[in-house]
Protein backbone atom coordinates (compact mmCIF):
# COMPACT_ATOMS: atom_id res chain seq x y z
CA UNK A 1 20.72 2.92 12.53
CA UNK A 2 17.86 1.99 14.96
CA UNK A 3 15.85 -0.99 13.44
CA UNK A 4 11.78 -0.22 14.32
CA UNK A 5 10.72 -3.53 12.66
CA UNK A 6 10.09 -4.65 16.36
CA UNK A 7 7.66 -1.41 16.84
CA UNK A 8 6.03 -2.19 13.77
CA UNK A 9 5.36 -5.84 14.03
CA UNK A 10 4.50 -5.34 18.18
CA UNK A 11 1.10 -6.81 18.99
CA UNK A 12 -0.34 -4.08 20.90
CA UNK A 13 0.00 -1.40 17.77
CA UNK A 14 -0.15 -3.66 14.45
CA UNK A 15 -3.18 -5.02 12.87
CA UNK A 16 -3.71 -7.61 9.94
CA UNK A 17 -4.50 -6.48 6.59
CA UNK A 18 -5.06 -7.67 3.34
CA UNK A 19 -3.00 -6.40 -0.05
CA UNK A 20 -4.62 -7.07 -3.18
CA UNK A 21 -1.58 -7.09 -6.08
CA UNK A 22 -1.97 -7.04 -9.55
CA UNK A 23 0.45 -8.14 -12.05
CA UNK A 24 0.24 -9.51 -15.37
CA UNK A 25 1.63 -9.65 -18.38
CA UNK A 26 1.04 -8.93 -22.24
CA UNK A 27 -0.53 -11.56 -24.52
CA UNK A 28 -1.41 -11.08 -27.83
CA UNK A 29 -1.45 -7.27 -27.39
CA UNK A 30 -3.60 -7.27 -24.48
CA UNK A 31 -2.18 -6.78 -20.81
CA UNK A 32 -3.40 -10.26 -18.52
CA UNK A 33 -3.86 -8.93 -15.08
CA UNK A 34 -4.10 -11.56 -12.16
CA UNK A 35 -4.81 -10.68 -8.50
CA UNK A 36 -2.72 -12.30 -5.77
CA UNK A 37 -4.12 -11.50 -1.87
CA UNK A 38 -0.95 -11.41 0.19
CA UNK A 39 -1.85 -11.09 4.25
CA UNK A 40 -0.08 -8.71 5.99
CA UNK A 41 1.07 -6.98 9.59
CA UNK A 42 1.58 -3.20 10.28
CA UNK A 43 0.22 -0.43 11.88
CA UNK A 44 -2.35 1.88 9.68
CA UNK A 45 -4.03 5.27 10.67
CA UNK A 46 -5.43 8.10 9.09
CA UNK A 47 -3.34 9.78 7.27
CA UNK A 48 -2.16 13.57 8.37
CA UNK A 49 -3.17 16.62 6.76
CA UNK A 50 0.49 16.81 5.61
CA UNK A 51 0.36 13.60 4.44
CA UNK A 52 -2.89 14.49 2.31
CA UNK A 53 -1.30 17.24 0.60
CA UNK A 54 1.23 14.61 -1.38
CA UNK A 55 -2.14 13.14 -2.93
CA UNK A 56 -3.10 14.83 -6.01
CA UNK A 57 -6.28 17.10 -5.92
CA UNK A 58 -8.71 14.80 -6.92
CA UNK A 59 -7.92 12.23 -4.73
CA UNK A 60 -8.42 14.48 -1.32
CA UNK A 61 -12.18 13.81 -0.58
CA UNK A 62 -11.97 10.00 -0.86
CA UNK A 63 -10.31 9.39 2.74
CA UNK A 64 -6.22 8.07 3.22
CA UNK A 65 -4.64 6.04 5.47
CA UNK A 66 -1.07 6.11 5.97
CA UNK A 67 0.13 2.23 6.09
CA UNK A 68 3.66 1.30 7.77
CA UNK A 69 4.51 -2.30 7.29
CA UNK A 70 7.84 -4.48 7.27
CA UNK A 71 7.00 -5.96 4.13
CA UNK A 72 7.03 -3.46 0.73
CA UNK A 73 4.23 -2.36 -0.90
CA UNK A 74 4.21 -1.32 -4.90
CA UNK A 75 2.82 1.55 -6.57
CA UNK A 76 2.49 0.91 -10.55
CA UNK A 77 5.55 -0.69 -11.73
CA UNK A 78 7.93 -2.40 -13.99
CA UNK A 79 10.72 -4.39 -12.91
CA UNK A 80 12.70 -7.44 -13.76
CA UNK A 81 10.17 -9.91 -11.80
CA UNK A 82 7.34 -8.52 -13.40
CA UNK A 83 4.50 -5.36 -14.10
CA UNK A 84 1.89 -4.45 -12.13
CA UNK A 85 -1.02 -2.13 -11.20
CA UNK A 86 -1.24 -0.37 -7.80
CA UNK A 87 -1.26 -2.66 -5.05
CA UNK A 88 -4.65 -2.25 -3.30
CA UNK A 89 -5.49 -2.66 0.64
CA UNK A 90 -8.48 -3.68 2.60
CA UNK A 91 -8.56 -2.42 5.54
CA UNK A 92 -11.98 -1.94 7.99
CA UNK A 93 -13.81 -3.88 4.94
CA UNK A 94 -13.23 -0.39 2.77
CA UNK A 95 -10.37 -0.93 -0.14
CA UNK A 96 -7.30 1.76 -0.53
CA UNK A 97 -5.31 1.93 -3.36
CA UNK A 98 -1.80 2.99 -2.66
CA UNK A 99 -0.55 6.35 -4.04
CA UNK A 100 2.30 7.02 -2.75
CA UNK A 101 5.65 5.21 -1.23
CA UNK A 102 8.11 6.47 1.33
CA UNK A 103 11.05 3.34 1.99
CA UNK A 104 12.70 3.78 5.17
CA UNK A 105 14.33 0.49 4.75
CA UNK A 106 17.39 1.59 6.72
CA UNK A 107 15.17 1.71 9.57
CA UNK A 108 13.34 -1.75 8.91
CA UNK A 109 10.14 -0.64 7.68
CA UNK A 110 8.02 0.57 4.61
CA UNK A 111 5.46 3.54 4.73
CA UNK A 112 2.84 4.08 1.83
CA UNK A 113 -0.29 6.35 1.71
CA UNK A 114 -3.56 5.15 0.30
CA UNK A 115 -6.64 6.55 -0.70
CA UNK A 116 -9.76 4.91 -0.03
CA UNK A 117 -11.68 3.73 -3.57
CA UNK A 118 -15.18 4.96 -3.85
CA UNK A 119 -17.57 2.16 -4.95
CA UNK A 120 -20.62 2.93 -7.03
């Protein structure tokens, strides 16, 4: 297989972005959540029309991005090492919530689609 991780991390097209990962545990019947900031590099571009079609109808009007990174991103999950809600990406002073994941790990990268969180 072709490993594309060098392309994803190429400084000519790669950019820094922040990931806010929320993990937690159940304590006395309540889910206690903790947010951790993770600095990542990758390629972020506006999502294509085809990618936007994969997002639930109500979220289409918010704006969407396509994220490609050599590090894994998460949607809401329950795993041995913890559980948490979807990662949030900060890009160009906006926050986006990861809604859809694609694993191209055999090619050296992961992809995700995020929709903009609307602040009130």
